[in-house]
Amino acid sequence: MTAGGSEGAPEHGGLRAAFAGLTTRGRSFLAAGVAAAVCAYALGQTDLLRVGLLLAALPLVCAIVLHRTRYRVAGSRTLSPARVPATAESRVLLRVENVSRLPTGVLMLQDRVPYVLGPRPRFVLDRVEAGGRREVTYRVRSDLRGRYPLGPLQLRLSDPFGMCELTRSFSDHDTLTVVPRVEPLPPVRLAGEASGYGDGRQRSLALAGEDDVIPRGYRHGDDLRRVHWRSTARYGELMVRREEQPQRAHCTVLLDTRRTAHQGAGPDSAFEWAVSGAASAAVHLLERGFSVRFLTDSGMSVPGPDGTGGWAGGTDSADTAGLLLDTLAVVDHSDEPGLARAYDVLRGGNEGLLVAFFGDLDEEQTAVACRMRQRSGAAVAFVLDGDAWTRGTGFRTTGGQPPLPLAERLRMLQEAGWKALPVRPGDSLAKLWRRADRVRGSEGPDGGASEGSAGGAPVAGANGVSEDAATAGDADTAGGFGPAGTAGSFGPAGTAGPIAAPGSGAVT
């Protein structure tokens, strides 16, 4: 059965399966009949023998008759929708149709579902007339991403005396895909360019757009107004002017899936936040017309529909976003020791805009992440604070090199030119996304200071934790980026605001 709802017939078992389907009542009748027959033989009681044979024969006859009953029943299942975000519900419609000429008896219908989707649904259907149809519905819901099989659909048949029950299964299955939750993001220019995102609007050869000086041979259907007469006279054949059109900006969404980088599990874990954030960023950029590629630390680059490593946006962004969400629905922790494979993929050339979701990074992996910045036009990093997520849970473990303090990671990434922002439990990606438009890296990839930088000097936040000035909170938080002249804030030009009193916990 498919998500659209396909039909099938139940599979029949053999006669041995029919005898194995005897109920407790049927087995009791059979045992009592055998015992009465043995006693009648030992005592020489002919009447008792007749009773024993009747008791033993009744369940056997019921099993044989039930086995030979040929109900022609078609079943279908429809998921609405077949792809849902985590914590959302999907409606399942079961349809049973009697396609035989005889009415059925009482049927018990049950569907097999994984335990994470809820209890197994069971329904009792009254007698279904010839050509009749019955429909029942139930709902499934999961807090965890994944692909979950539904089915097979099972029908339980019973005889009028309740001596035997047979379960017959349909052969087909459906699959419910639970994708990460996608958070709507505000439209901001992360690259800081007026023309668009990423590496700007590059241009490529096409059939419409602005003129180019390079001519090409005339093709059937070309507009005669595009004929380049000077080249025609030079080459002795009809030549037309080439044209060019804007090319889509490129973006790579990098997800750090290393098991050592994310501690804890469950729908509220840091890893699930990162997966949901990567899904939100990719879908948002697809809707904005980007060509998006999804990349993990293991070097896995999901190919697009055209066979390349990018996902086309624009008019087909809804379909490609669905394919990307299907991939993120099953992404799991990797056993990679570092980010070297992802760096090898990125160092092939300029990747346009780079949006990364990092977990815990030690000094070596932070240096690798810093080198990634050199292969992108603009780079935004969301660095998860593992200590904040695991505080008080007991899940915190260390494997290999211990991670650098969060402030140190942010400082190194910003000096390399990243727009790095810390992520703590309860943070909204939409707010961080808007803040990324205002955060300035301390040093660009070419070694020069970026505009509006605060010099990368660590400052004390409102909670007393040392943070980089470029990653301070929103305008309404102490130590954040607020309007110029507010206490403990940095103005638009990157200049410090009024100095707060020592020991107040504000920026000094």
Protein backbone atom coordinates (compact mmCIF):
# COMPACT_ATOMS: atom_id res chain seq x y z
CA MET A 1 0.00 0.00 0.00
CA THR A 2 1.24 3.41 -0.81
CA ALA A 3 0.64 6.76 0.78
CA GLY A 4 -1.99 7.47 -1.83
CA GLY A 5 -3.93 4.41 -0.79
CA SER A 6 -3.61 1.19 -2.78
CA GLU A 7 -5.65 -1.94 -2.51
CA GLY A 8 -4.72 -5.51 -1.75
CA ALA A 9 -6.13 -8.86 -0.72
CA PRO A 10 -5.31 -10.65 2.54
CA GLU A 11 -2.91 -13.54 2.51
CA HIS A 12 -4.31 -16.96 3.48
CA GLY A 13 -2.51 -19.49 5.64
CA GLY A 14 -2.65 -23.29 5.44
CA LEU A 15 -4.85 -25.76 7.30
CA ARG A 16 -2.22 -26.05 10.01
CA ALA A 17 -2.48 -22.31 10.58
CA ALA A 18 -6.26 -22.73 10.91
CA PHE A 19 -5.87 -25.33 13.66
CA ALA A 20 -3.29 -23.10 15.34
CA GLY A 21 -5.95 -20.39 15.43
CA LEU A 22 -8.16 -22.26 17.91
CA THR A 23 -9.22 -20.01 20.74
CA THR A 24 -9.19 -20.93 24.43
CA ARG A 25 -12.81 -22.02 24.11
CA GLY A 26 -12.02 -24.19 21.12
CA ARG A 27 -9.04 -25.83 22.81
CA SER A 28 -11.13 -26.47 25.93
CA PHE A 29 -13.85 -28.15 23.86
CA LEU A 30 -11.24 -30.27 22.08
CA ALA A 31 -9.56 -31.30 25.33
CA ALA A 32 -12.92 -32.11 26.98
CA GLY A 33 -13.99 -34.19 24.01
CA VAL A 34 -10.77 -36.20 23.98
CA ALA A 35 -11.00 -36.78 27.73
CA ALA A 36 -14.65 -37.91 27.46
CA ALA A 37 -13.78 -40.28 24.61
CA VAL A 38 -10.93 -41.86 26.61
CA CYS A 39 -13.16 -42.26 29.69
CA ALA A 40 -15.97 -43.76 27.56
CA TYR A 41 -13.55 -46.30 26.09
CA ALA A 42 -12.19 -47.23 29.53
CA LEU A 43 -15.64 -47.46 31.15
CA GLY A 44 -17.46 -48.93 28.16
CA GLN A 45 -19.99 -46.04 28.03
CA THR A 46 -21.25 -45.61 24.47
CA ASP A 47 -23.30 -42.47 25.19
CA LEU A 48 -20.32 -40.77 26.78
CA LEU A 49 -18.28 -41.60 23.68
CA ARG A 50 -20.84 -39.85 21.46
CA VAL A 51 -20.69 -36.73 23.66
CA GLY A 52 -16.89 -36.75 23.59
CA LEU A 53 -16.76 -37.06 19.81
CA LEU A 54 -19.21 -34.19 19.45
CA LEU A 55 -17.16 -31.95 21.76
CA ALA A 56 -13.91 -32.77 19.94
CA ALA A 57 -15.35 -32.45 16.45
CA LEU A 58 -17.01 -29.02 16.93
CA PRO A 59 -13.84 -26.89 17.14
CA LEU A 60 -12.19 -28.87 14.35
CA VAL A 61 -15.16 -28.43 12.04
CA CYS A 62 -15.25 -24.68 12.86
CA ALA A 63 -11.54 -24.36 12.01
CA ILE A 64 -11.97 -26.20 8.68
CA VAL A 65 -15.05 -24.18 7.69
CA LEU A 66 -13.36 -20.91 8.63
CA HIS A 67 -10.28 -21.89 6.67
CA ARG A 68 -12.30 -22.69 3.56
CA THR A 69 -14.27 -19.45 3.82
CA ARG A 70 -13.18 -17.29 0.93
CA TYR A 71 -13.99 -13.72 1.78
CA ARG A 72 -12.72 -11.48 -0.97
CA VAL A 73 -11.83 -8.34 0.92
CA ALA A 74 -9.87 -5.39 -0.43
CA GLY A 75 -8.12 -3.04 1.95
CA SER A 76 -6.42 0.32 1.49
CA ARG A 77 -4.64 2.86 3.64
CA THR A 78 -4.29 6.58 3.02
CA LEU A 79 -1.93 8.89 4.91
CA SER A 80 -2.83 12.55 5.10
CA PRO A 81 -0.17 13.84 4.97
CA ALA A 82 2.57 11.26 4.38
CA ARG A 83 5.29 13.73 5.47
CA VAL A 84 4.81 15.59 8.74
CA PRO A 85 7.11 17.62 11.00
CA ALA A 86 7.98 16.28 14.43
CA THR A 87 5.19 16.60 17.04
CA ALA A 88 2.56 17.00 14.28
CA GLU A 89 -0.20 14.48 13.64
CA SER A 90 -1.02 12.51 10.52
CA ARG A 91 -4.45 11.10 9.79
CA VAL A 92 -4.65 7.47 8.63
CA LEU A 93 -7.74 6.30 6.77
CA LEU A 94 -8.38 2.55 6.55
CA ARG A 95 -10.90 1.35 4.00
CA VAL A 96 -12.18 -2.26 3.82
CA GLU A 97 -14.40 -3.38 0.94
CA ASN A 98 -16.17 -6.72 0.53
CA VAL A 99 -15.78 -7.59 -3.15
CA SER A 100 -17.31 -11.07 -2.88
CA ARG A 101 -20.95 -12.13 -3.36
CA LEU A 102 -21.35 -13.32 0.23
CA PRO A 103 -21.61 -11.15 3.34
CA THR A 104 -18.84 -11.37 5.89
CA GLY A 105 -19.12 -12.08 9.56
CA VAL A 106 -17.82 -9.83 12.31
CA LEU A 107 -14.32 -8.63 11.45
CA MET A 108 -11.66 -7.24 13.73
CA LEU A 109 -9.36 -4.85 11.90
CA GLN A 110 -5.96 -3.87 13.26
CA ASP A 111 -2.99 -2.00 11.83
CA ARG A 112 0.58 -2.55 12.89
CA VAL A 113 2.43 0.65 13.79
CA PRO A 114 5.76 1.28 15.59
CA TYR A 115 5.43 1.92 19.30
CA VAL A 116 6.77 5.47 18.94
CA LEU A 117 3.64 6.38 16.97
CA GLY A 118 1.26 5.26 19.67
CA PRO A 119 -0.76 2.15 20.57
CA ARG A 120 -1.78 -0.35 17.91
CA PRO A 121 -5.21 0.65 16.55
CA ARG A 122 -7.95 -2.02 16.62
CA PHE A 123 -11.49 -1.78 15.25
CA VAL A 124 -14.45 -4.17 15.28
CA LEU A 125 -16.45 -4.11 12.05
CA ASP A 126 -20.01 -5.40 11.88
CA ARG A 127 -21.21 -7.70 9.15
CA VAL A 128 -20.22 -6.27 5.77
CA GLU A 129 -22.72 -6.92 3.02
CA ALA A 130 -21.71 -7.99 -0.46
CA GLY A 131 -20.13 -5.00 -2.19
CA GLY A 132 -20.21 -3.02 1.05
CA ARG A 133 -17.48 -0.74 2.38
CA ARG A 134 -16.34 0.32 5.83
CA GLU A 135 -13.98 3.18 6.70
CA VAL A 136 -12.23 3.90 9.98
CA THR A 137 -9.61 6.50 10.89
CA TYR A 138 -6.95 6.97 13.51
CA ARG A 139 -4.11 9.43 14.11
CA VAL A 140 -0.40 8.92 14.65
CA ARG A 141 2.15 11.32 16.11
CA SER A 142 5.87 11.19 16.83
CA ASP A 143 8.26 13.51 18.64
CA LEU A 144 11.23 11.89 16.92
CA ARG A 145 12.38 12.20 13.35
CA GLY A 146 12.52 9.15 11.13
CA ARG A 147 10.79 6.92 8.64
CA TYR A 148 8.20 4.66 10.21
CA PRO A 149 6.52 1.71 8.43
CA LEU A 150 2.77 1.30 8.78
CA GLY A 151 1.32 -2.13 8.20
CA PRO A 152 0.59 -4.75 7.30
CA LEU A 153 -3.13 -4.33 7.76
CA GLN A 154 -4.63 -7.39 9.45
CA LEU A 155 -8.14 -8.86 9.48
CA ARG A 156 -9.17 -11.27 12.22
CA LEU A 157 -11.97 -13.69 11.28
CA SER A 158 -14.00 -15.67 13.82
CA ASP A 159 -16.63 -18.40 13.59
CA PRO A 160 -20.10 -17.91 15.15
CA PHE A 161 -19.25 -20.14 18.13
CA GLY A 162 -15.95 -18.40 18.91
CA MET A 163 -14.00 -21.64 18.54
CA CYS A 164 -11.41 -20.38 16.08
CA GLU A 165 -9.91 -17.08 15.00
CA LEU A 166 -7.79 -16.56 11.92
CA THR A 167 -5.63 -13.54 11.20
CA ARG A 168 -5.06 -12.69 7.57
CA SER A 169 -2.66 -9.94 6.59
CA PHE A 170 -2.39 -7.66 3.61
CA SER A 171 1.06 -7.68 2.06
CA ASP A 172 1.66 -3.97 1.42
CA HIS A 173 3.05 -1.28 3.69
CA ASP A 174 3.09 2.50 3.89
CA THR A 175 5.82 4.77 5.21
CA LEU A 176 5.28 7.82 7.37
CA THR A 177 8.16 10.30 7.18
CA VAL A 178 8.62 12.52 10.22
CA VAL A 179 10.86 15.44 9.24
CA PRO A 180 12.52 18.06 11.46
CA ARG A 181 10.52 21.07 12.51
CA VAL A 182 11.09 24.07 10.23
CA GLU A 183 11.08 27.52 11.77
CA PRO A 184 10.23 30.49 9.51
CA LEU A 185 13.21 32.83 9.22
CA PRO A 186 13.26 36.57 8.50
CA PRO A 187 14.65 37.75 5.14
CA VAL A 188 18.02 39.31 5.95
CA ARG A 189 21.15 39.85 3.88
CA LEU A 190 23.69 37.67 5.62
CA ALA A 191 26.36 38.52 3.08
CA GLY A 192 25.91 42.25 3.58
CA GLU A 193 25.61 42.86 -0.16
CA ALA A 194 22.86 44.94 -1.72
CA SER A 195 22.60 42.62 -4.69
CA GLY A 196 21.73 39.51 -2.75
CA TYR A 197 23.03 36.73 -0.59
CA GLY A 198 26.14 34.62 -0.71
CA ASP A 199 28.76 35.32 -3.29
CA GLY A 200 26.55 37.86 -5.03
CA ARG A 201 24.73 37.51 -8.33
CA GLN A 202 27.22 35.98 -10.71
CA ARG A 203 26.37 35.74 -14.37
CA SER A 204 26.27 32.77 -16.71
CA LEU A 205 25.64 32.29 -20.41
CA ALA A 206 21.99 31.77 -21.35
CA LEU A 207 19.36 32.69 -23.93
CA ALA A 208 18.08 35.93 -22.40
CA GLY A 209 19.63 38.82 -20.57
CA GLU A 210 22.24 41.44 -21.21
CA ASP A 211 24.51 41.42 -24.26
CA ASP A 212 27.94 39.90 -24.34
CA VAL A 213 30.63 40.72 -26.87
CA ILE A 214 31.33 37.03 -27.67
CA PRO A 215 29.28 35.89 -30.70
CA ARG A 216 28.14 32.38 -31.57
CA GLY A 217 26.74 30.65 -34.63
CA TYR A 218 23.15 31.22 -35.63
CA ARG A 219 20.68 28.56 -34.45
CA HIS A 220 17.19 27.93 -35.71
CA GLY A 221 14.77 30.07 -33.72
CA ASP A 222 17.24 32.80 -32.77
CA ASP A 223 15.94 36.34 -32.98
CA LEU A 224 17.30 38.03 -36.10
CA ARG A 225 17.66 41.21 -34.12
CA ARG A 226 20.52 39.50 -32.26
CA VAL A 227 22.60 39.07 -35.43
CA HIS A 228 26.12 40.42 -35.01
CA TRP A 229 26.90 41.73 -38.50
CA ARG A 230 30.56 42.44 -37.92
CA SER A 231 31.24 38.84 -36.90
CA THR A 232 29.02 37.59 -39.71
CA ALA A 233 31.19 39.41 -42.21
CA ARG A 234 34.35 38.15 -40.56
CA TYR A 235 33.44 34.45 -40.36
CA GLY A 236 31.36 34.25 -43.50
CA GLU A 237 28.36 32.77 -41.70
CA LEU A 238 25.47 34.18 -39.76
CA MET A 239 26.53 34.96 -36.17
CA VAL A 240 24.43 36.15 -33.26
CA ARG A 241 25.38 37.84 -30.02
CA ARG A 242 25.60 35.69 -26.95
CA GLU A 243 23.59 36.64 -23.94
CA GLU A 244 23.91 36.12 -20.24
CA GLN A 245 21.57 35.97 -17.30
CA PRO A 246 21.96 36.04 -13.54
CA GLN A 247 23.10 32.80 -11.97
CA ARG A 248 21.66 31.54 -8.70
CA ALA A 249 23.65 32.30 -5.60
CA HIS A 250 25.08 29.18 -3.99
CA CYS A 251 24.90 28.16 -0.37
CA THR A 252 26.19 25.19 1.60
CA VAL A 253 24.49 24.17 4.83
CA LEU A 254 26.97 22.26 6.99
CA LEU A 255 25.70 20.09 9.84
CA ASP A 256 28.12 18.76 12.44
CA THR A 257 26.80 15.27 13.26
CA ARG A 258 29.78 13.91 15.17
CA ARG A 259 28.77 11.83 18.16
CA THR A 260 31.46 13.47 20.29
CA ALA A 261 30.16 16.95 19.42
CA HIS A 262 26.61 16.47 20.75
CA GLN A 263 25.72 15.08 24.15
CA GLY A 264 22.34 13.81 25.24
CA ALA A 265 19.42 12.48 23.22
CA GLY A 266 15.73 13.08 22.71
CA PRO A 267 13.63 15.72 20.99
CA ASP A 268 15.01 18.52 23.20
CA SER A 269 18.68 17.65 22.75
CA ALA A 270 21.31 19.87 21.17
CA PHE A 271 21.62 17.58 18.15
CA GLU A 272 17.91 17.84 17.36
CA TRP A 273 18.14 21.64 17.61
CA ALA A 274 21.00 21.58 15.12
CA VAL A 275 19.09 19.31 12.69
CA SER A 276 16.02 21.51 12.93
CA GLY A 277 18.17 24.60 12.42
CA ALA A 278 19.83 23.15 9.33
CA ALA A 279 16.42 22.26 7.90
CA SER A 280 15.06 25.75 8.59
CA ALA A 281 18.06 27.47 7.02
CA ALA A 282 18.03 25.24 3.93
CA VAL A 283 14.30 25.65 3.31
CA HIS A 284 14.52 29.42 3.84
CA LEU A 285 17.39 29.79 1.39
CA LEU A 286 15.67 27.60 -1.20
CA GLU A 287 12.63 29.84 -0.99
CA ARG A 288 14.91 32.85 -1.49
CA GLY A 289 16.19 31.40 -4.78
CA PHE A 290 19.49 29.89 -3.64
CA SER A 291 21.02 26.70 -4.93
CA VAL A 292 21.53 24.86 -1.65
CA ARG A 293 23.77 21.92 -0.87
CA PHE A 294 23.53 19.95 2.36
CA LEU A 295 26.84 18.75 3.77
CA THR A 296 27.80 16.80 6.89
CA ASP A 297 31.07 16.31 8.70
CA SER A 298 31.50 12.92 7.00
CA GLY A 299 31.64 14.65 3.61
CA MET A 300 28.15 13.50 2.59
CA SER A 301 26.87 15.92 -0.01
CA VAL A 302 23.30 15.18 -1.01
CA PRO A 303 23.02 15.36 -4.84
CA GLY A 304 20.30 17.51 -6.28
CA PRO A 305 17.65 16.45 -8.78
CA ASP A 306 19.97 17.31 -11.66
CA GLY A 307 22.68 14.96 -10.35
CA THR A 308 24.89 17.75 -9.06
CA GLY A 309 25.75 18.62 -5.49
CA GLY A 310 23.27 21.49 -5.26
CA TRP A 311 19.57 21.85 -4.75
CA ALA A 312 17.85 24.17 -7.22
CA GLY A 313 15.61 26.83 -5.72
CA GLY A 314 13.00 29.07 -7.28
CA THR A 315 9.85 27.52 -8.74
CA ASP A 316 10.74 23.99 -7.70
CA SER A 317 11.86 24.94 -4.20
CA ALA A 318 8.88 23.17 -2.57
CA ASP A 319 9.75 19.82 -4.16
CA THR A 320 13.47 20.09 -3.50
CA ALA A 321 12.81 21.23 0.06
CA GLY A 322 10.75 18.10 0.56
CA LEU A 323 13.59 15.92 -0.72
CA LEU A 324 16.05 17.66 1.57
CA LEU A 325 13.74 17.25 4.57
CA ASP A 326 13.43 13.55 3.77
CA THR A 327 17.22 13.33 4.01
CA LEU A 328 17.31 15.20 7.31
CA ALA A 329 14.56 12.96 8.68
CA VAL A 330 17.00 10.05 8.93
CA VAL A 331 20.30 11.85 9.56
CA ASP A 332 22.01 10.46 12.65
CA HIS A 333 25.22 10.77 14.64
CA SER A 334 28.44 9.89 12.86
CA ASP A 335 31.59 8.37 14.27
CA GLU A 336 33.86 10.80 12.44
CA PRO A 337 36.74 12.08 14.59
CA GLY A 338 36.70 15.55 13.02
CA LEU A 339 35.65 17.88 10.22
CA ALA A 340 38.45 17.01 7.79
CA ARG A 341 36.20 15.34 5.21
CA ALA A 342 33.83 18.27 5.10
CA TYR A 343 36.80 20.61 4.66
CA ASP A 344 38.06 18.51 1.73
CA VAL A 345 34.70 18.97 0.01
CA LEU A 346 34.63 22.71 0.66
CA ARG A 347 38.18 23.49 -0.40
CA GLY A 348 37.36 22.72 -4.03
CA GLY A 349 36.44 26.36 -4.63
CA ASN A 350 34.39 29.30 -3.52
CA GLU A 351 31.13 27.94 -2.12
CA GLY A 352 29.20 31.20 -1.82
CA LEU A 353 27.35 31.49 1.47
CA LEU A 354 28.26 28.93 4.13
CA VAL A 355 25.89 28.30 7.05
CA ALA A 356 27.26 25.89 9.64
CA PHE A 357 25.82 24.31 12.78
CA PHE A 358 28.70 23.23 15.03
CA GLY A 359 28.64 21.21 18.22
CA ASP A 360 31.52 21.01 20.68
CA LEU A 361 34.86 21.76 19.02
CA ASP A 362 38.30 21.14 20.41
CA GLU A 363 41.25 23.30 19.42
CA GLU A 364 42.12 21.22 16.35
CA GLN A 365 38.58 21.12 14.96
CA THR A 366 38.11 24.81 15.63
CA ALA A 367 41.18 25.46 13.49
CA VAL A 368 39.70 23.29 10.71
CA ALA A 369 36.45 25.28 10.92
CA CYS A 370 38.44 28.50 10.66
CA ARG A 371 40.06 27.30 7.45
CA MET A 372 36.64 26.54 5.98
CA ARG A 373 35.94 30.26 6.02
CA GLN A 374 38.50 30.79 3.27
CA ARG A 375 36.34 28.79 0.84
CA SER A 376 33.17 30.84 1.12
CA GLY A 377 31.99 34.30 0.21
CA ALA A 378 30.31 34.74 3.59
CA ALA A 379 30.05 32.37 6.56
CA VAL A 380 27.66 32.14 9.49
CA ALA A 381 28.26 29.69 12.33
CA PHE A 382 25.78 28.68 15.02
CA VAL A 383 27.90 27.21 17.81
CA LEU A 384 25.97 25.09 20.30
CA ASP A 385 26.90 25.45 23.95
CA GLY A 386 27.13 21.79 24.98
CA ASP A 387 27.66 22.61 28.66
CA ALA A 388 24.40 24.55 28.81
CA TRP A 389 22.46 21.69 27.22
CA THR A 390 23.86 18.97 29.46
CA ARG A 391 24.00 20.93 32.72
CA GLY A 392 22.27 18.86 35.39
CA THR A 393 21.40 15.96 33.06
CA GLY A 394 24.40 13.74 33.69
CA PHE A 395 24.89 13.08 29.98
CA ARG A 396 28.13 14.99 29.67
CA THR A 397 30.99 12.80 28.54
CA THR A 398 34.37 13.58 27.09
CA GLY A 399 36.07 11.61 24.36
CA GLY A 400 39.48 12.52 22.99
CA GLN A 401 40.47 16.16 23.35
CA PRO A 402 38.23 18.26 25.62
CA PRO A 403 36.25 21.00 23.84
CA LEU A 404 37.41 24.58 24.00
CA PRO A 405 35.42 27.02 26.13
CA LEU A 406 32.59 28.59 24.19
CA ALA A 407 34.09 32.09 24.33
CA GLU A 408 37.39 30.81 22.92
CA ARG A 409 35.64 29.01 20.05
CA LEU A 410 33.69 32.12 19.17
CA ARG A 411 36.80 34.30 19.28
CA MET A 412 38.77 32.02 16.94
CA LEU A 413 35.91 31.72 14.47
CA GLN A 414 35.31 35.46 14.40
CA GLU A 415 38.97 36.21 13.86
CA ALA A 416 38.82 33.89 10.85
CA GLY A 417 35.91 35.90 9.44
CA TRP A 418 32.93 33.84 10.61
CA LYS A 419 29.78 35.45 11.92
CA ALA A 420 29.68 33.18 14.95
CA LEU A 421 26.77 33.12 17.39
CA PRO A 422 26.35 31.00 20.52
CA VAL A 423 23.29 28.77 20.85
CA ARG A 424 21.83 27.80 24.20
CA PRO A 425 18.70 25.87 25.20
CA GLY A 426 15.55 27.77 24.39
CA ASP A 427 17.15 30.02 21.78
CA SER A 428 15.07 30.78 18.70
CA LEU A 429 16.78 30.36 15.36
CA ALA A 430 14.72 33.23 13.92
CA LYS A 431 16.19 35.65 16.47
CA LEU A 432 19.69 34.33 15.92
CA TRP A 433 19.20 34.58 12.17
CA ARG A 434 18.23 38.23 12.46
CA ARG A 435 21.14 38.86 14.81
CA ALA A 436 23.55 37.30 12.29
CA ASP A 437 22.83 40.22 9.96
CA ARG A 438 24.22 42.61 12.59
CA VAL A 439 27.15 40.54 13.87
CA ARG A 440 30.47 41.35 12.22
CA GLY A 441 33.47 39.06 12.17
CA SER A 442 36.65 40.48 13.65
CA GLU A 443 38.85 39.57 10.69
CA GLY A 444 38.07 38.56 7.15
CA PRO A 445 39.55 35.55 5.38
CA ASP A 446 42.18 37.73 3.75
CA GLY A 447 43.54 38.77 7.09
CA GLY A 448 42.09 42.29 7.05
CA ALA A 449 39.75 43.64 9.66
CA SER A 450 36.12 43.54 8.58
CA GLU A 451 33.95 46.63 8.70
CA GLY A 452 32.47 47.60 12.02
CA SER A 453 34.58 45.16 14.01
CA ALA A 454 35.11 45.66 17.66
CA GLY A 455 38.60 44.27 17.50
CA GLY A 456 37.53 40.84 18.70
CA ALA A 457 38.18 41.71 22.32
CA PRO A 458 36.34 39.48 24.79
CA VAL A 459 33.85 41.33 26.95
CA ALA A 460 31.82 40.35 29.96
CA GLY A 461 28.16 39.56 29.28
CA ALA A 462 25.29 40.20 31.60
CA ASN A 463 25.80 36.80 33.22
CA GLY A 464 29.48 37.44 33.83
CA VAL A 465 30.60 34.90 31.21
CA SER A 466 33.30 36.15 28.88
CA GLU A 467 31.96 36.46 25.34
CA ASP A 468 33.11 38.14 22.18
CA ALA A 469 31.58 41.53 21.59
CA ALA A 470 30.38 40.43 18.17
CA THR A 471 28.25 37.64 19.67
CA ALA A 472 26.54 39.56 22.42
CA GLY A 473 22.79 39.38 22.83
CA ASP A 474 19.90 41.23 21.25
CA ALA A 475 19.28 44.91 21.77
CA ASP A 476 17.07 44.19 24.74
CA THR A 477 19.71 42.20 26.64
CA ALA A 478 22.59 43.51 28.68
CA GLY A 479 25.83 43.39 26.78
CA GLY A 480 23.93 43.09 23.49
CA PHE A 481 24.00 45.05 20.28
CA GLY A 482 21.57 47.90 20.90
CA PRO A 483 21.25 51.43 19.63
CA ALA A 484 24.29 53.64 19.98
CA GLY A 485 24.57 55.30 23.33
CA THR A 486 22.79 52.65 25.42
CA ALA A 487 24.51 51.29 28.47
CA GLY A 488 26.66 48.26 27.82
CA SER A 489 25.97 48.21 24.09
CA PHE A 490 27.78 48.67 20.84
CA GLY A 491 26.48 51.25 18.38
CA PRO A 492 25.99 50.68 14.67
CA ALA A 493 29.50 51.87 13.89
CA GLY A 494 31.02 49.34 16.28
CA THR A 495 31.92 51.94 18.90
CA ALA A 496 31.44 51.24 22.55
CA GLY A 497 28.57 52.85 24.40
CA PRO A 498 28.76 54.42 27.86
CA ILE A 499 30.88 52.51 30.32
CA ALA A 500 28.96 50.88 33.13
CA ALA A 501 30.09 50.90 36.72
CA PRO A 502 32.65 48.21 37.59
CA GLY A 503 31.17 45.02 38.99
CA SER A 504 27.71 45.66 37.54
CA GLY A 505 28.02 42.75 35.09
CA ALA A 506 27.51 45.03 32.09
CA VAL A 507 29.96 45.55 29.28
CA THR A 508 32.95 47.61 30.34
